[in-house]
C-alpha atoms as a PDB file:
ATOM      1  CA  MET A   1      44.781  -7.963  -8.311  1.00  0.00           C
ATOM      2  CA  GLU A   2      42.521  -4.975  -7.790  1.00  0.00           C
ATOM      3  CA  GLU A   3      42.828  -2.067 -10.185  1.00  0.00           C
ATOM      4  CA  LYS A   4      42.721   1.415  -8.759  1.00  0.00           C
ATOM      5  CA  TYR A   5      41.420   4.297 -10.767  1.00  0.00           C
ATOM      6  CA  CYS A   6      42.696   7.781 -10.295  1.00  0.00           C
ATOM      7  CA  LEU A   7      41.501  10.948 -11.920  1.00  0.00           C
ATOM      8  CA  GLU A   8      44.584  12.582 -13.330  1.00  0.00           C
ATOM      9  CA  ILE A   9      44.387  16.301 -13.803  1.00  0.00           C
ATOM     10  CA  PRO A  10      47.133  17.766 -15.949  1.00  0.00           C
ATOM     11  CA  ALA A  11      49.326  20.387 -14.333  1.00  0.00           C
ATOM     12  CA  ARG A  12      48.275  22.910 -16.943  1.00  0.00           C
ATOM     13  CA  ILE A  13      44.635  22.907 -17.884  1.00  0.00           C
ATOM     14  CA  SER A  14      42.602  25.606 -19.543  1.00  0.00           C
ATOM     15  CA  MET A  15      39.817  27.242 -17.583  1.00  0.00           C
ATOM     16  CA  ASN A  16      37.330  26.018 -20.190  1.00  0.00           C
ATOM     17  CA  ASP A  17      38.483  22.394 -19.805  1.00  0.00           C
ATOM     18  CA  TYR A  18      38.469  22.777 -16.024  1.00  0.00           C
ATOM     19  CA  LYS A  19      34.849  23.963 -16.074  1.00  0.00           C
ATOM     20  CA  LYS A  20      33.843  21.056 -18.335  1.00  0.00           C
ATOM     21  CA  GLU A  21      35.479  18.550 -15.987  1.00  0.00           C
ATOM     22  CA  GLU A  22      33.900  20.237 -12.979  1.00  0.00           C
ATOM     23  CA  LYS A  23      30.442  20.000 -14.580  1.00  0.00           C
ATOM     24  CA  LEU A  24      31.019  16.344 -15.422  1.00  0.00           C
ATOM     25  CA  LEU A  25      32.179  15.583 -11.894  1.00  0.00           C
ATOM     26  CA  ASN A  26      29.148  17.353 -10.421  1.00  0.00           C
ATOM     27  CA  LEU A  27      26.882  15.367 -12.728  1.00  0.00           C
ATOM     28  CA  LEU A  28      28.493  12.102 -11.605  1.00  0.00           C
ATOM     29  CA  LEU A  29      28.129  13.068  -7.948  1.00  0.00           C
ATOM     30  CA  TYR A  30      24.468  13.905  -8.548  1.00  0.00           C
ATOM     31  CA  ILE A  31      23.867  10.530 -10.236  1.00  0.00           C
ATOM     32  CA  ILE A  32      25.558   8.684  -7.364  1.00  0.00           C
ATOM     33  CA  GLU A  33      23.418  10.534  -4.813  1.00  0.00           C
ATOM     34  CA  GLU A  34      20.242   9.737  -6.760  1.00  0.00           C
ATOM     35  CA  ILE A  35      21.185   6.041  -6.865  1.00  0.00           C
ATOM     36  CA  ARG A  36      21.770   6.101  -3.094  1.00  0.00           C
ATOM     37  CA  ASN A  37      18.339   7.664  -2.568  1.00  0.00           C
ATOM     38  CA  ILE A  38      16.676   5.022  -4.739  1.00  0.00           C
ATOM     39  CA  VAL A  39      18.415   2.193  -2.863  1.00  0.00           C
ATOM     40  CA  LYS A  40      17.456   3.729   0.493  1.00  0.00           C
ATOM     41  CA  LYS A  41      13.823   4.035  -0.619  1.00  0.00           C
ATOM     42  CA  GLU A  42      13.750   0.444  -1.881  1.00  0.00           C
ATOM     43  CA  LYS A  43      15.090  -0.798   1.457  1.00  0.00           C
ATOM     44  CA  LYS A  44      12.356   1.119   3.281  1.00  0.00           C
ATOM     45  CA  ASP A  45       9.720  -0.285   0.959  1.00  0.00           C
ATOM     46  CA  LEU A  46      10.650  -3.857   1.837  1.00  0.00           C
ATOM     47  CA  LYS A  47       7.848  -5.399   3.774  1.00  0.00           C
ATOM     48  CA  MET A  48       8.660  -6.701   7.226  1.00  0.00           C
ATOM     49  CA  THR A  49       7.773 -10.240   6.144  1.00  0.00           C
ATOM     50  CA  ASP A  50      10.464 -10.193   3.444  1.00  0.00           C
ATOM     51  CA  ILE A  51      13.192  -9.955   6.064  1.00  0.00           C
ATOM     52  CA  LEU A  52      12.439 -12.669   8.613  1.00  0.00           C
ATOM     53  CA  THR A  53      10.321 -15.297   6.869  1.00  0.00           C
ATOM     54  CA  ASP A  54      12.911 -18.070   7.015  1.00  0.00           C
ATOM     55  CA  LYS A  55      13.537 -17.529  10.760  1.00  0.00           C
ATOM     56  CA  MET A  56       9.918 -17.613  11.928  1.00  0.00           C
ATOM     57  CA  THR A  57       7.255 -20.161  12.713  1.00  0.00           C
ATOM     58  CA  ASP A  58       3.902 -20.057  10.940  1.00  0.00           C
ATOM     59  CA  LYS A  59       2.297 -18.459  14.008  1.00  0.00           C
ATOM     60  CA  GLU A  60       4.972 -15.774  14.121  1.00  0.00           C
ATOM     61  CA  LEU A  61       4.542 -15.067  10.411  1.00  0.00           C
ATOM     62  CA  GLN A  62       0.821 -14.662  10.939  1.00  0.00           C
ATOM     63  CA  ARG A  63       1.481 -12.269  13.826  1.00  0.00           C
ATOM     64  CA  LEU A  64       3.975 -10.335  11.726  1.00  0.00           C
ATOM     65  CA  LYS A  65       1.403  -9.888   8.960  1.00  0.00           C
ATOM     66  CA  ILE A  66      -1.090  -8.567  11.509  1.00  0.00           C
ATOM     67  CA  LEU A  67       1.501  -6.046  12.727  1.00  0.00           C
ATOM     68  CA  GLU A  68       2.311  -5.074   9.154  1.00  0.00           C
ATOM     69  CA  VAL A  69      -1.332  -4.126   8.569  1.00  0.00           C
ATOM     70  CA  TYR A  70      -1.424  -2.329  11.934  1.00  0.00           C
ATOM     71  CA  PHE A  71       1.633  -0.219  11.014  1.00  0.00           C
ATOM     72  CA  GLU A  72      -0.007   0.910   7.765  1.00  0.00           C
ATOM     73  CA  LYS A  73      -2.376   3.019   9.893  1.00  0.00           C
ATOM     74  CA  ASN A  74      -0.389   3.547  13.108  1.00  0.00           C
ATOM     75  CA  ASN A  75       3.066   4.928  13.855  1.00  0.00           C
ATOM     76  CA  TYR A  76       3.813   2.874  16.951  1.00  0.00           C
ATOM     77  CA  ILE A  77       2.571   0.034  19.142  1.00  0.00           C
ATOM     78  CA  ASP A  78       2.979  -0.813  22.806  1.00  0.00           C
ATOM     79  CA  ASN A  79       2.846  -4.183  24.541  1.00  0.00           C
ATOM     80  CA  SER A  80      -0.794  -3.936  25.617  1.00  0.00           C
ATOM     81  CA  GLU A  81      -1.948  -3.061  22.093  1.00  0.00           C
ATOM     82  CA  ALA A  82       0.144  -5.931  20.675  1.00  0.00           C
ATOM     83  CA  GLN A  83      -1.535  -8.301  23.154  1.00  0.00           C
ATOM     84  CA  LYS A  84      -4.972  -7.193  21.961  1.00  0.00           C
ATOM     85  CA  ILE A  85      -4.443  -7.318  18.219  1.00  0.00           C
ATOM     86  CA  LEU A  86      -2.362 -10.525  18.304  1.00  0.00           C
ATOM     87  CA  ASN A  87      -4.558 -12.190  20.933  1.00  0.00           C
ATOM     88  CA  VAL A  88      -1.557 -13.297  23.011  1.00  0.00           C
ATOM     89  CA  SER A  89      -0.373 -13.013  26.603  1.00  0.00           C
ATOM     90  CA  ASP A  90       1.813 -10.236  27.970  1.00  0.00           C
ATOM     91  CA  SER A  91       4.961 -12.380  27.902  1.00  0.00           C
ATOM     92  CA  THR A  92       4.312 -13.694  24.369  1.00  0.00           C
ATOM     93  CA  ALA A  93       3.765 -10.158  23.064  1.00  0.00           C
ATOM     94  CA  ARG A  94       6.932  -8.972  24.808  1.00  0.00           C
ATOM     95  CA  ARG A  95       9.019 -11.870  23.413  1.00  0.00           C
ATOM     96  CA  PHE A  96       7.680 -11.298  19.901  1.00  0.00           C
ATOM     97  CA  LEU A  97       8.276  -7.538  19.976  1.00  0.00           C
ATOM     98  CA  ASN A  98      11.783  -8.133  21.357  1.00  0.00           C
ATOM     99  CA  LYS A  99      12.493 -10.614  18.557  1.00  0.00           C
ATOM    100  CA  LEU A 100      11.490  -8.001  15.985  1.00  0.00           C
ATOM    101  CA  LEU A 101      13.576  -5.428  17.843  1.00  0.00           C
ATOM    102  CA  LYS A 102      16.626  -7.720  17.897  1.00  0.00           C
ATOM    103  CA  ASN A 103      16.294  -8.424  14.168  1.00  0.00           C
ATOM    104  CA  GLY A 104      16.112  -4.757  13.236  1.00  0.00           C
ATOM    105  CA  ILE A 105      12.468  -4.690  12.162  1.00  0.00           C
ATOM    106  CA  LEU A 106      11.300  -2.463  14.996  1.00  0.00           C
ATOM    107  CA  GLU A 107      12.954   0.179  17.109  1.00  0.00           C
ATOM    108  CA  ALA A 108      11.994   0.891  20.704  1.00  0.00           C
ATOM    109  CA  PHE A 109      11.590   4.176  22.493  1.00  0.00           C
ATOM    110  CA  GLY A 110      10.536   4.931  26.037  1.00  0.00           C
ATOM    111  CA  GLU A 111      11.270   2.858  29.108  1.00  0.00           C
ATOM    112  CA  LYS A 112       9.582   0.103  31.077  1.00  0.00           C
ATOM    113  CA  LYS A 113       5.794   0.391  30.936  1.00  0.00           C
ATOM    114  CA  GLY A 114       6.004   3.405  28.628  1.00  0.00           C
ATOM    115  CA  ARG A 115       8.023   1.518  25.997  1.00  0.00           C
ATOM    116  CA  LYS A 116       6.681   1.720  22.470  1.00  0.00           C
ATOM    117  CA  TYR A 117       7.844   0.206  19.213  1.00  0.00           C
ATOM    118  CA  ARG A 118       7.841   1.633  15.716  1.00  0.00           C
ATOM    119  CA  LYS A 119       8.787   0.263  12.341  1.00  0.00           C
ATOM    120  CA  LYS A 120      12.354   1.107  11.340  1.00  0.00           C
END
């Protein structure tokens, strides 16, 4: 059985006590927000390889590491650039980028030949 906690505020409370409780509540809200920010930052700091390693072949892992290095210096990549740095065909680059897109590693913007991918 799940316990539920409820902050009970007495019907009559002094202004001094009210201000103390308000300060405490604000402090707790601040701490919660800081924890959220830390968690969000840690998620961003995860390397791409940490997310998909069990779902990928050795070749794909090698390609992912190449992209990881590429994204350290670049904000986005397109299919033709992926072909060059990964030394693969157009269709292989497209399949690989789409796999990363599907798994939430990359996000796409632009359409058709102007489509580019950036790290989420």
